[in-house]
């Protein structure tokens, strides 16, 4: 592990280094929350938790700043656990190993957890640093942001007092976010029906790995290849040429990540194996050519495997492959109000065989327009309904509507210009932020979101820019200093 303690801002990187050693997957944040409670106790700071597990730590105003309006600063305590296939790592036990590479901090074959570990570390630095000038502050650490935003969704009424909120969960330094997309998950479930394989066959394991993947909100417009779609494309086409039988077909891990990996276990009649293997190599060549400029590290591998005990029935196999081939994925509509912003998208996120009983296909839809979000969810649901799958939907989360007259926006713009002699970009983001849910609970809350530059979130390529983190810290301090009196 490399020493992060000599990087400015010292306190942020000190605490980020410590946070990397604490497992904190979504819905399993007990260790990180306990760590923060111990920190608050050591610093003699008031704190409280709500029934959902959200933690609030309070700090009094700097001397002479008692009349400044109170501010709440917010980040989420959980992280996404993604790793390269060759890496052995247990996200529930093993520490993240940070590395310094040029001007970036990254991990070693796993997600780094800068999303939103850098937010946690920044709030800890702010709570400790006596040089920071500010009015009364509340630091809110929410749970389960990455898999459902249930922490923000279940935030108790009256739990926080401030009516100005700074969300520290954005990933582009120099950009201020004042709006975000809402989202919903659409899930299809097929009952597994199998048969024994009576034809003399050979079993193959097909693996597709090494795709870029990425955050299904921030990077959906980059058209990164989807491992499920590519694997399904091969299986659909090869099933038209040969009598293949599928035993298993799985891919993807998280609903908010574009799938990077997929694998299938199939059986091919012995009389077709030479033609099948030749067909596979031709298909791999076609895909390699299609992806040569965008997915240089992908690997499509065919290996022999031990015989499968059973295979899917032909009817189920056909329903599965056809529905996956028809399922939309990617950008559906671009914003008419903000140039270059995705309005509506959908992500074919994962296919999983669950307890040998169900095939569960998870998709996620995002949009800054509620009616468009419902429409694309309905379209995805209709595809799987035609294949006789059972459809489930989550409650979803609301979008955050931009407020160009926001007082905290004006303060932050002025603070940025004072520090860096240029105007920041004001934008909305296609990713989901907890601001919309918090605004639902606390109408009238004036809020903004900003952060340092993070790239490759939700993938093993995740990294955070060191210089931008220092600028982020300076901006945060300048904004707090410029909050007006009550």
Protein backbone atom coordinates (compact mmCIF):
# COMPACT_ATOMS: atom_id res chain seq x y z
CA UNK A 1 0.00 0.00 0.00
CA UNK A 2 1.37 3.38 -0.95
CA UNK A 3 1.58 6.23 1.50
CA UNK A 4 -1.16 8.78 0.85
CA UNK A 5 -0.32 10.81 3.94
CA UNK A 6 2.01 13.24 2.16
CA UNK A 7 -0.60 14.39 -0.37
CA UNK A 8 -2.45 17.66 0.07
CA UNK A 9 -4.96 18.11 1.62
CA UNK A 10 -3.27 16.03 4.30
CA UNK A 11 -6.35 15.37 6.43
CA UNK A 12 -8.49 14.21 3.52
CA UNK A 13 -5.92 11.68 2.30
CA UNK A 14 -5.16 10.55 5.84
CA UNK A 15 -8.78 9.61 6.38
CA UNK A 16 -9.27 8.26 2.86
CA UNK A 17 -6.34 5.91 3.48
CA UNK A 18 -8.03 4.67 6.66
CA UNK A 19 -11.41 4.30 4.96
CA UNK A 20 -9.88 2.04 2.29
CA UNK A 21 -9.26 -0.60 4.96
CA UNK A 22 -12.93 -0.69 6.04
CA UNK A 23 -15.38 -2.91 4.09
CA UNK A 24 -18.52 -0.90 3.24
CA UNK A 25 -20.62 -2.53 0.56
CA UNK A 26 -24.20 -1.34 0.22
CA UNK A 27 -26.49 -2.65 2.97
CA UNK A 28 -23.38 -3.67 4.93
CA UNK A 29 -22.21 -0.28 6.22
CA UNK A 30 -22.05 -1.18 9.92
CA UNK A 31 -18.25 -1.11 10.07
CA UNK A 32 -17.86 2.29 8.41
CA UNK A 33 -20.70 3.80 10.48
CA UNK A 34 -19.12 2.45 13.69
CA UNK A 35 -15.78 3.90 12.60
CA UNK A 36 -17.43 7.32 12.15
CA UNK A 37 -19.17 7.07 15.53
CA UNK A 38 -15.84 6.34 17.23
CA UNK A 39 -14.34 9.31 15.38
CA UNK A 40 -17.15 11.59 16.63
CA UNK A 41 -16.70 10.34 20.19
CA UNK A 42 -12.94 10.99 20.09
CA UNK A 43 -13.49 14.50 18.76
CA UNK A 44 -16.29 15.08 21.31
CA UNK A 45 -18.80 15.89 18.57
CA UNK A 46 -22.54 15.44 18.94
CA UNK A 47 -23.98 12.68 16.74
CA UNK A 48 -27.15 10.67 16.21
CA UNK A 49 -28.42 7.82 14.03
CA UNK A 50 -31.88 7.24 12.60
CA UNK A 51 -33.71 3.93 12.28
CA UNK A 52 -32.42 3.34 8.75
CA UNK A 53 -28.79 3.68 9.82
CA UNK A 54 -28.02 7.17 8.53
CA UNK A 55 -25.52 9.01 10.72
CA UNK A 56 -25.46 12.74 11.51
CA UNK A 57 -22.43 14.40 13.13
CA UNK A 58 -22.68 18.03 14.24
CA UNK A 59 -19.99 20.67 14.70
CA UNK A 60 -20.42 24.07 16.30
CA UNK A 61 -19.69 27.28 14.43
CA UNK A 62 -16.22 28.79 14.33
CA UNK A 63 -15.73 31.54 16.96
CA UNK A 64 -17.61 34.65 15.88
CA UNK A 65 -19.60 32.77 13.22
CA UNK A 66 -22.48 31.61 15.40
CA UNK A 67 -25.02 33.68 13.46
CA UNK A 68 -24.10 32.21 10.07
CA UNK A 69 -26.87 30.09 8.56
CA UNK A 70 -26.36 26.39 9.31
CA UNK A 71 -25.37 24.10 6.45
CA UNK A 72 -25.71 20.36 5.97
CA UNK A 73 -22.98 18.53 4.06
CA UNK A 74 -23.91 15.10 2.74
CA UNK A 75 -22.25 12.02 1.24
CA UNK A 76 -23.02 8.30 1.17
CA UNK A 77 -21.22 5.72 3.28
CA UNK A 78 -21.37 2.73 0.91
CA UNK A 79 -19.36 1.81 -2.17
CA UNK A 80 -19.60 -0.39 -5.26
CA UNK A 81 -17.57 -3.60 -5.15
CA UNK A 82 -16.33 -4.54 -8.63
CA UNK A 83 -13.12 -6.39 -9.49
CA UNK A 84 -11.27 -7.87 -12.41
CA UNK A 85 -11.99 -11.58 -12.89
CA UNK A 86 -8.39 -12.60 -12.19
CA UNK A 87 -8.23 -10.68 -8.90
CA UNK A 88 -8.97 -12.51 -5.65
CA UNK A 89 -10.70 -10.04 -3.37
CA UNK A 90 -13.47 -10.36 -0.77
CA UNK A 91 -15.16 -6.97 -0.47
CA UNK A 92 -16.70 -7.98 2.85
CA UNK A 93 -13.31 -8.66 4.44
CA UNK A 94 -10.34 -7.43 2.43
CA UNK A 95 -9.01 -3.85 2.39
CA UNK A 96 -8.85 -1.80 -0.79
CA UNK A 97 -5.20 -1.26 -1.77
CA UNK A 98 -4.77 2.32 -3.07
CA UNK A 99 -1.98 3.18 -5.51
CA UNK A 100 -0.59 6.49 -6.75
CA UNK A 101 -0.20 6.62 -10.51
CA UNK A 102 1.01 9.97 -11.76
CA UNK A 103 -1.61 12.47 -10.62
CA UNK A 104 -4.21 9.84 -9.77
CA UNK A 105 -5.06 7.58 -6.87
CA UNK A 106 -6.43 4.22 -7.99
CA UNK A 107 -6.75 0.67 -6.66
CA UNK A 108 -5.26 -2.68 -7.62
CA UNK A 109 -7.75 -4.53 -9.78
CA UNK A 110 -10.79 -3.41 -7.77
CA UNK A 111 -12.99 -0.38 -7.41
CA UNK A 112 -11.31 2.29 -5.30
CA UNK A 113 -14.39 3.50 -3.45
CA UNK A 114 -13.63 7.17 -4.07
CA UNK A 115 -17.33 7.21 -4.90
CA UNK A 116 -18.11 8.31 -2.24
CA UNK A 117 -15.19 7.59 0.09
CA UNK A 118 -13.69 10.95 -0.80
CA UNK A 119 -16.90 12.54 0.50
CA UNK A 120 -16.56 10.67 3.80
CA UNK A 121 -12.90 11.67 4.16
CA UNK A 122 -13.69 15.30 3.31
CA UNK A 123 -16.40 15.55 5.96
CA UNK A 124 -14.08 13.99 8.54
CA UNK A 125 -11.37 16.51 7.62
CA UNK A 126 -13.86 19.35 7.95
CA UNK A 127 -15.09 18.10 11.33
CA UNK A 128 -11.52 17.94 12.65
CA UNK A 129 -9.86 20.97 11.05
CA UNK A 130 -9.99 24.00 13.34
CA UNK A 131 -8.67 26.29 10.59
CA UNK A 132 -11.90 25.99 8.60
CA UNK A 133 -14.19 28.99 9.02
CA UNK A 134 -17.89 28.15 9.02
CA UNK A 135 -21.20 28.51 10.77
CA UNK A 136 -22.95 25.54 12.42
CA UNK A 137 -22.61 22.45 10.24
CA UNK A 138 -24.30 19.07 10.07
CA UNK A 139 -22.54 16.19 8.32
CA UNK A 140 -24.91 13.51 7.02
CA UNK A 141 -23.65 10.06 6.04
CA UNK A 142 -26.41 8.12 4.26
CA UNK A 143 -26.51 4.35 3.75
CA UNK A 144 -27.32 2.17 0.75
CA UNK A 145 -27.03 4.84 -1.92
CA UNK A 146 -25.60 2.55 -4.56
CA UNK A 147 -28.29 -0.16 -4.58
CA UNK A 148 -31.47 1.71 -3.75
CA UNK A 149 -30.92 5.09 -2.08
CA UNK A 150 -32.89 3.67 0.83
CA UNK A 151 -30.98 5.79 3.34
CA UNK A 152 -32.08 9.04 1.72
CA UNK A 153 -35.54 7.63 0.92
CA UNK A 154 -36.16 6.82 4.58
CA UNK A 155 -34.57 9.91 6.10
CA UNK A 156 -36.69 10.82 9.10
CA UNK A 157 -38.58 14.09 9.30
CA UNK A 158 -36.82 16.55 11.60
CA UNK A 159 -33.56 14.56 11.57
CA UNK A 160 -31.70 17.50 10.03
CA UNK A 161 -32.20 21.21 10.78
CA UNK A 162 -30.36 23.13 8.05
CA UNK A 163 -32.03 24.33 4.85
CA UNK A 164 -28.84 24.61 2.78
CA UNK A 165 -27.33 21.33 1.54
CA UNK A 166 -23.97 20.63 -0.10
CA UNK A 167 -23.94 17.18 -1.68
CA UNK A 168 -20.37 15.89 -2.12
CA UNK A 169 -21.07 13.07 -4.56
CA UNK A 170 -20.25 14.57 -7.97
CA UNK A 171 -17.27 13.57 -10.09
CA UNK A 172 -16.19 16.52 -12.22
CA UNK A 173 -14.13 19.34 -10.72
CA UNK A 174 -15.10 22.71 -12.15
CA UNK A 175 -18.71 21.65 -12.62
CA UNK A 176 -21.59 22.49 -10.29
CA UNK A 177 -24.64 20.27 -10.46
CA UNK A 178 -28.12 21.58 -9.76
CA UNK A 179 -30.26 18.71 -11.05
CA UNK A 180 -30.20 14.95 -11.58
CA UNK A 181 -32.21 12.16 -13.18
CA UNK A 182 -34.76 10.00 -11.45
CA UNK A 183 -34.59 6.24 -11.77
CA UNK A 184 -36.45 2.95 -11.51
CA UNK A 185 -35.48 -0.72 -11.84
CA UNK A 186 -37.44 -3.12 -14.03
CA UNK A 187 -36.83 -6.78 -13.23
CA UNK A 188 -37.86 -9.81 -15.27
CA UNK A 189 -38.05 -13.27 -13.75
CA UNK A 190 -38.21 -16.59 -15.65
CA UNK A 191 -38.93 -19.83 -13.81
CA UNK A 192 -36.12 -22.25 -14.62
CA UNK A 193 -37.28 -25.34 -16.50
CA UNK A 194 -34.66 -27.91 -17.40
CA UNK A 195 -34.27 -31.24 -19.17
CA UNK A 196 -31.55 -33.86 -19.31
CA UNK A 197 -29.28 -33.89 -22.33
CA UNK A 198 -29.88 -37.11 -24.25
CA UNK A 199 -27.87 -36.29 -27.37
CA UNK A 200 -24.15 -37.14 -27.26
CA UNK A 201 -22.62 -33.70 -26.73
CA UNK A 202 -19.57 -31.72 -25.79
CA UNK A 203 -19.73 -29.05 -23.08
CA UNK A 204 -18.16 -25.63 -23.52
CA UNK A 205 -17.66 -22.69 -21.19
CA UNK A 206 -17.69 -19.34 -23.01
CA UNK A 207 -16.28 -16.33 -21.17
CA UNK A 208 -16.40 -12.68 -22.20
CA UNK A 209 -14.43 -10.31 -19.98
CA UNK A 210 -12.35 -7.13 -19.91
CA UNK A 211 -14.93 -4.71 -21.26
CA UNK A 212 -14.81 -1.14 -19.94
CA UNK A 213 -18.25 -1.15 -18.35
CA UNK A 214 -18.81 1.98 -16.31
CA UNK A 215 -21.45 3.91 -14.40
CA UNK A 216 -24.82 3.40 -16.05
CA UNK A 217 -25.68 7.07 -15.58
CA UNK A 218 -22.44 8.97 -16.10
CA UNK A 219 -21.12 6.79 -18.92
CA UNK A 220 -24.17 5.38 -20.70
CA UNK A 221 -23.67 7.86 -23.56
CA UNK A 222 -20.15 6.58 -24.26
CA UNK A 223 -21.58 3.45 -25.88
CA UNK A 224 -19.34 1.05 -23.97
CA UNK A 225 -20.04 -2.52 -25.04
CA UNK A 226 -22.47 -4.52 -22.90
CA UNK A 227 -21.19 -8.02 -22.09
CA UNK A 228 -24.68 -9.51 -21.76
CA UNK A 229 -25.75 -8.18 -25.14
CA UNK A 230 -22.60 -9.44 -26.86
CA UNK A 231 -22.83 -12.90 -25.31
CA UNK A 232 -26.54 -13.11 -26.09
CA UNK A 233 -25.86 -12.04 -29.67
CA UNK A 234 -23.49 -14.97 -30.08
CA UNK A 235 -25.84 -17.46 -28.43
CA UNK A 236 -28.83 -16.25 -30.44
CA UNK A 237 -26.97 -16.53 -33.74
CA UNK A 238 -25.26 -19.82 -33.02
CA UNK A 239 -28.56 -21.36 -31.91
CA UNK A 240 -29.87 -20.68 -35.43
CA UNK A 241 -26.96 -22.62 -36.92
CA UNK A 242 -26.57 -25.56 -34.51
CA UNK A 243 -28.59 -27.47 -31.92
CA UNK A 244 -26.93 -25.91 -28.90
CA UNK A 245 -28.38 -26.29 -25.41
CA UNK A 246 -27.76 -23.70 -22.70
CA UNK A 247 -27.15 -24.85 -19.16
CA UNK A 248 -26.29 -21.44 -17.66
CA UNK A 249 -25.96 -17.87 -18.92
CA UNK A 250 -24.97 -15.13 -16.48
CA UNK A 251 -23.49 -11.65 -16.71
CA UNK A 252 -23.23 -8.32 -14.95
CA UNK A 253 -23.28 -7.67 -11.24
CA UNK A 254 -24.85 -4.33 -10.30
CA UNK A 255 -27.90 -2.50 -11.60
CA UNK A 256 -26.00 0.79 -11.85
CA UNK A 257 -23.01 -0.60 -13.77
CA UNK A 258 -22.76 -1.44 -17.45
CA UNK A 259 -21.88 -5.17 -17.47
CA UNK A 260 -18.22 -5.91 -18.22
CA UNK A 261 -18.30 -9.72 -17.99
CA UNK A 262 -20.57 -12.60 -19.01
CA UNK A 263 -20.28 -16.35 -19.31
CA UNK A 264 -22.34 -19.23 -20.67
CA UNK A 265 -22.18 -22.98 -20.23
CA UNK A 266 -23.51 -24.75 -23.33
CA UNK A 267 -23.65 -28.20 -24.87
CA UNK A 268 -23.09 -28.91 -28.58
CA UNK A 269 -23.82 -32.22 -30.35
CA UNK A 270 -20.57 -34.02 -31.15
CA UNK A 271 -21.25 -34.04 -34.89
CA UNK A 272 -21.31 -30.21 -34.86
CA UNK A 273 -18.32 -29.40 -32.65
CA UNK A 274 -15.81 -28.63 -35.44
CA UNK A 275 -18.23 -26.36 -37.25
CA UNK A 276 -19.22 -24.79 -33.94
CA UNK A 277 -15.63 -24.03 -32.95
CA UNK A 278 -14.98 -22.54 -36.37
CA UNK A 279 -18.15 -20.45 -36.09
CA UNK A 280 -17.00 -19.16 -32.68
CA UNK A 281 -13.64 -18.01 -34.05
CA UNK A 282 -15.33 -16.21 -36.94
CA UNK A 283 -17.70 -14.47 -34.53
CA UNK A 284 -14.82 -13.46 -32.23
CA UNK A 285 -13.05 -11.94 -35.23
CA UNK A 286 -16.14 -9.94 -36.15
CA UNK A 287 -16.48 -8.62 -32.59
CA UNK A 288 -12.77 -7.83 -32.36
CA UNK A 289 -13.00 -5.72 -35.49
CA UNK A 290 -16.13 -3.93 -34.25
CA UNK A 291 -14.52 -3.13 -30.90
CA UNK A 292 -10.91 -2.55 -31.95
CA UNK A 293 -11.04 1.19 -31.23
CA UNK A 294 -13.20 1.14 -28.11
CA UNK A 295 -12.68 -2.12 -26.17
CA UNK A 296 -9.09 -3.13 -26.76
CA UNK A 297 -8.79 -5.20 -23.57
CA UNK A 298 -11.81 -7.47 -24.05
CA UNK A 299 -11.35 -11.25 -24.12
CA UNK A 300 -13.77 -13.78 -25.69
CA UNK A 301 -12.62 -17.30 -24.76
CA UNK A 302 -14.01 -20.79 -25.48
CA UNK A 303 -12.88 -23.74 -23.34
CA UNK A 304 -14.03 -27.32 -22.84
CA UNK A 305 -15.85 -27.99 -19.57
CA UNK A 306 -17.21 -30.85 -17.53
CA UNK A 307 -20.66 -31.99 -18.72
CA UNK A 308 -23.63 -30.09 -17.33
CA UNK A 309 -26.22 -32.00 -15.32
CA UNK A 310 -29.11 -30.38 -17.16
CA UNK A 311 -29.95 -27.77 -19.79
CA UNK A 312 -32.78 -25.30 -20.28
CA UNK A 313 -35.82 -26.48 -22.15
CA UNK A 314 -35.93 -25.34 -25.76
CA UNK A 315 -38.95 -23.12 -25.12
CA UNK A 316 -37.29 -21.34 -22.18
CA UNK A 317 -34.00 -20.99 -24.07
CA UNK A 318 -35.82 -19.38 -26.99
CA UNK A 319 -37.80 -17.01 -24.75
CA UNK A 320 -34.66 -15.98 -22.89
CA UNK A 321 -32.48 -15.31 -25.94
CA UNK A 322 -35.19 -13.51 -27.90
CA UNK A 323 -36.17 -11.23 -25.02
CA UNK A 324 -32.57 -10.30 -24.24
CA UNK A 325 -31.90 -9.59 -27.92
CA UNK A 326 -34.97 -7.32 -28.04
CA UNK A 327 -34.30 -5.53 -24.75
CA UNK A 328 -33.29 -1.88 -25.32
CA UNK A 329 -30.05 -0.59 -23.83
CA UNK A 330 -28.32 2.78 -23.92
CA UNK A 331 -29.41 6.35 -24.60
CA UNK A 332 -33.09 6.66 -25.49
CA UNK A 333 -33.43 10.44 -25.66
CA UNK A 334 -31.18 13.51 -25.36
CA UNK A 335 -32.19 16.56 -23.34
CA UNK A 336 -33.84 19.41 -25.20
CA UNK A 337 -32.95 21.86 -22.43
CA UNK A 338 -29.27 21.08 -21.77
CA UNK A 339 -27.00 20.43 -24.74
CA UNK A 340 -25.04 17.18 -24.50
CA UNK A 341 -27.08 15.84 -21.57
CA UNK A 342 -28.81 12.48 -21.71
CA UNK A 343 -32.48 12.80 -20.81
CA UNK A 344 -33.54 9.14 -20.81
CA UNK A 345 -31.60 5.87 -20.82
CA UNK A 346 -31.87 2.23 -19.89
CA UNK A 347 -29.25 -0.28 -18.77
CA UNK A 348 -29.45 -4.05 -19.29
CA UNK A 349 -27.55 -4.65 -16.07
CA UNK A 350 -27.45 -8.32 -15.12
CA UNK A 351 -28.64 -11.85 -15.80
CA UNK A 352 -28.42 -14.24 -12.87
CA UNK A 353 -29.46 -17.82 -12.16
CA UNK A 354 -30.81 -17.67 -8.60
CA UNK A 355 -30.90 -20.85 -6.48
CA UNK A 356 -31.50 -22.93 -9.63
CA UNK A 357 -35.10 -21.70 -9.51
CA UNK A 358 -35.21 -18.41 -11.38
CA UNK A 359 -33.42 -16.51 -14.10
CA UNK A 360 -33.47 -12.91 -12.89
CA UNK A 361 -32.80 -10.11 -15.39
CA UNK A 362 -32.25 -6.68 -13.87
CA UNK A 363 -32.52 -3.48 -15.87
CA UNK A 364 -32.42 0.15 -14.71
CA UNK A 365 -34.00 3.20 -16.29
CA UNK A 366 -33.11 6.86 -15.74
CA UNK A 367 -34.71 10.08 -16.91
CA UNK A 368 -35.01 13.72 -15.95
CA UNK A 369 -38.62 13.51 -17.19
CA UNK A 370 -40.89 11.35 -15.02
CA UNK A 371 -43.23 10.40 -17.87
CA UNK A 372 -40.27 9.36 -20.04
CA UNK A 373 -38.87 7.27 -17.19
CA UNK A 374 -42.19 5.43 -16.94
CA UNK A 375 -42.39 5.02 -20.71
CA UNK A 376 -38.98 3.36 -21.11
CA UNK A 377 -39.66 1.14 -18.09
CA UNK A 378 -42.95 0.10 -19.72
CA UNK A 379 -41.15 -0.69 -22.98
CA UNK A 380 -38.60 -2.90 -21.22
CA UNK A 381 -41.39 -4.60 -19.27
CA UNK A 382 -43.35 -5.25 -22.48
CA UNK A 383 -40.39 -7.06 -24.08
CA UNK A 384 -40.17 -9.54 -21.21
CA UNK A 385 -43.95 -9.78 -20.87
CA UNK A 386 -44.07 -11.06 -24.46
CA UNK A 387 -41.62 -13.77 -23.33
CA UNK A 388 -43.95 -14.72 -20.44
CA UNK A 389 -41.62 -13.47 -17.74
CA UNK A 390 -42.90 -12.13 -14.43
CA UNK A 391 -42.25 -8.39 -14.11
CA UNK A 392 -41.31 -6.52 -10.94
CA UNK A 393 -40.49 -2.85 -10.46
CA UNK A 394 -38.87 -0.94 -7.63
CA UNK A 395 -40.39 2.24 -6.21
CA UNK A 396 -37.56 4.18 -7.83
CA UNK A 397 -36.36 7.61 -6.84
CA UNK A 398 -37.31 11.10 -8.02
CA UNK A 399 -35.28 13.43 -10.15
CA UNK A 400 -33.91 16.71 -8.81
CA UNK A 401 -35.36 19.67 -10.70
CA UNK A 402 -32.83 22.49 -11.38
CA UNK A 403 -33.27 25.85 -9.64
CA UNK A 404 -31.26 28.51 -11.49
CA UNK A 405 -32.26 31.10 -8.85
CA UNK A 406 -30.65 29.07 -6.05
CA UNK A 407 -28.81 31.23 -3.50
CA UNK A 408 -26.23 28.53 -2.74
CA UNK A 409 -25.56 28.22 -6.47
CA UNK A 410 -24.76 31.95 -6.68
CA UNK A 411 -22.51 31.70 -3.61
CA UNK A 412 -20.65 28.71 -5.05
CA UNK A 413 -20.16 30.34 -8.45
CA UNK A 414 -18.77 33.47 -6.79
CA UNK A 415 -16.50 31.41 -4.54
CA UNK A 416 -15.14 29.44 -7.50
CA UNK A 417 -14.43 32.61 -9.51
CA UNK A 418 -12.67 34.18 -6.50
CA UNK A 419 -10.40 31.17 -6.07
CA UNK A 420 -9.66 30.13 -9.63
CA UNK A 421 -10.35 33.25 -11.74
CA UNK A 422 -12.83 31.50 -14.00
CA UNK A 423 -16.50 30.58 -13.98
CA UNK A 424 -17.52 26.99 -13.27
CA UNK A 425 -19.91 25.10 -15.51
CA UNK A 426 -23.45 24.77 -14.15
CA UNK A 427 -25.03 21.47 -15.21
CA UNK A 428 -27.48 18.74 -14.45
CA UNK A 429 -26.37 15.11 -14.34
CA UNK A 430 -27.89 11.96 -15.77
CA UNK A 431 -26.77 9.92 -12.78
CA UNK A 432 -29.03 9.70 -9.75
CA UNK A 433 -28.21 11.83 -6.73
CA UNK A 434 -29.81 11.67 -3.31
CA UNK A 435 -30.74 15.34 -3.55
CA UNK A 436 -34.10 14.59 -5.15
CA UNK A 437 -35.11 12.26 -2.30
CA UNK A 438 -33.90 14.68 0.37
CA UNK A 439 -35.80 17.50 -1.32
CA UNK A 440 -38.93 15.35 -1.17
CA UNK A 441 -38.48 15.00 2.59
CA UNK A 442 -37.43 18.62 3.13
CA UNK A 443 -39.23 20.87 0.60
CA UNK A 444 -37.55 24.23 0.15
CA UNK A 445 -34.04 22.90 0.80
CA UNK A 446 -31.52 24.94 -1.22
CA UNK A 447 -28.91 22.51 -2.57
CA UNK A 448 -25.99 22.00 -4.88
CA UNK A 449 -23.61 19.14 -5.67
CA UNK A 450 -19.89 19.27 -6.49
CA UNK A 451 -16.76 17.19 -6.03
CA UNK A 452 -13.30 16.31 -7.35
CA UNK A 453 -12.68 14.52 -10.65
CA UNK A 454 -13.32 10.76 -10.53
CA UNK A 455 -13.08 8.51 -13.57
CA UNK A 456 -14.13 4.90 -14.08
CA UNK A 457 -16.59 4.82 -11.17
CA UNK A 458 -18.18 1.41 -10.58
CA UNK A 459 -15.31 -0.34 -12.40
CA UNK A 460 -11.84 -1.63 -11.43
CA UNK A 461 -10.45 1.34 -13.40
CA UNK A 462 -11.86 3.82 -10.86
CA UNK A 463 -9.43 6.63 -10.04
CA UNK A 464 -9.47 10.08 -8.46
CA UNK A 465 -7.47 13.10 -9.57
CA UNK A 466 -5.19 14.41 -6.80
CA UNK A 467 -4.94 18.04 -7.94
CA UNK A 468 -8.71 18.33 -8.36
CA UNK A 469 -9.19 17.07 -4.80
CA UNK A 470 -7.16 20.01 -3.47
CA UNK A 471 -9.25 22.43 -5.55
CA UNK A 472 -12.42 20.76 -4.27
CA UNK A 473 -11.26 21.23 -0.66
CA UNK A 474 -10.44 24.89 -1.24
CA UNK A 475 -13.81 25.51 -2.86
CA UNK A 476 -15.69 23.82 -0.02
CA UNK A 477 -13.94 26.02 2.54
CA UNK A 478 -14.56 29.18 0.50
CA UNK A 479 -18.27 28.37 0.13
CA UNK A 480 -18.70 27.75 3.86
CA UNK A 481 -16.89 31.01 4.62
CA UNK A 482 -19.29 32.91 2.36
CA UNK A 483 -22.58 31.57 3.74
CA UNK A 484 -24.57 34.63 4.93
CA UNK A 485 -25.96 35.23 8.38
CA UNK A 486 -29.46 34.08 9.27
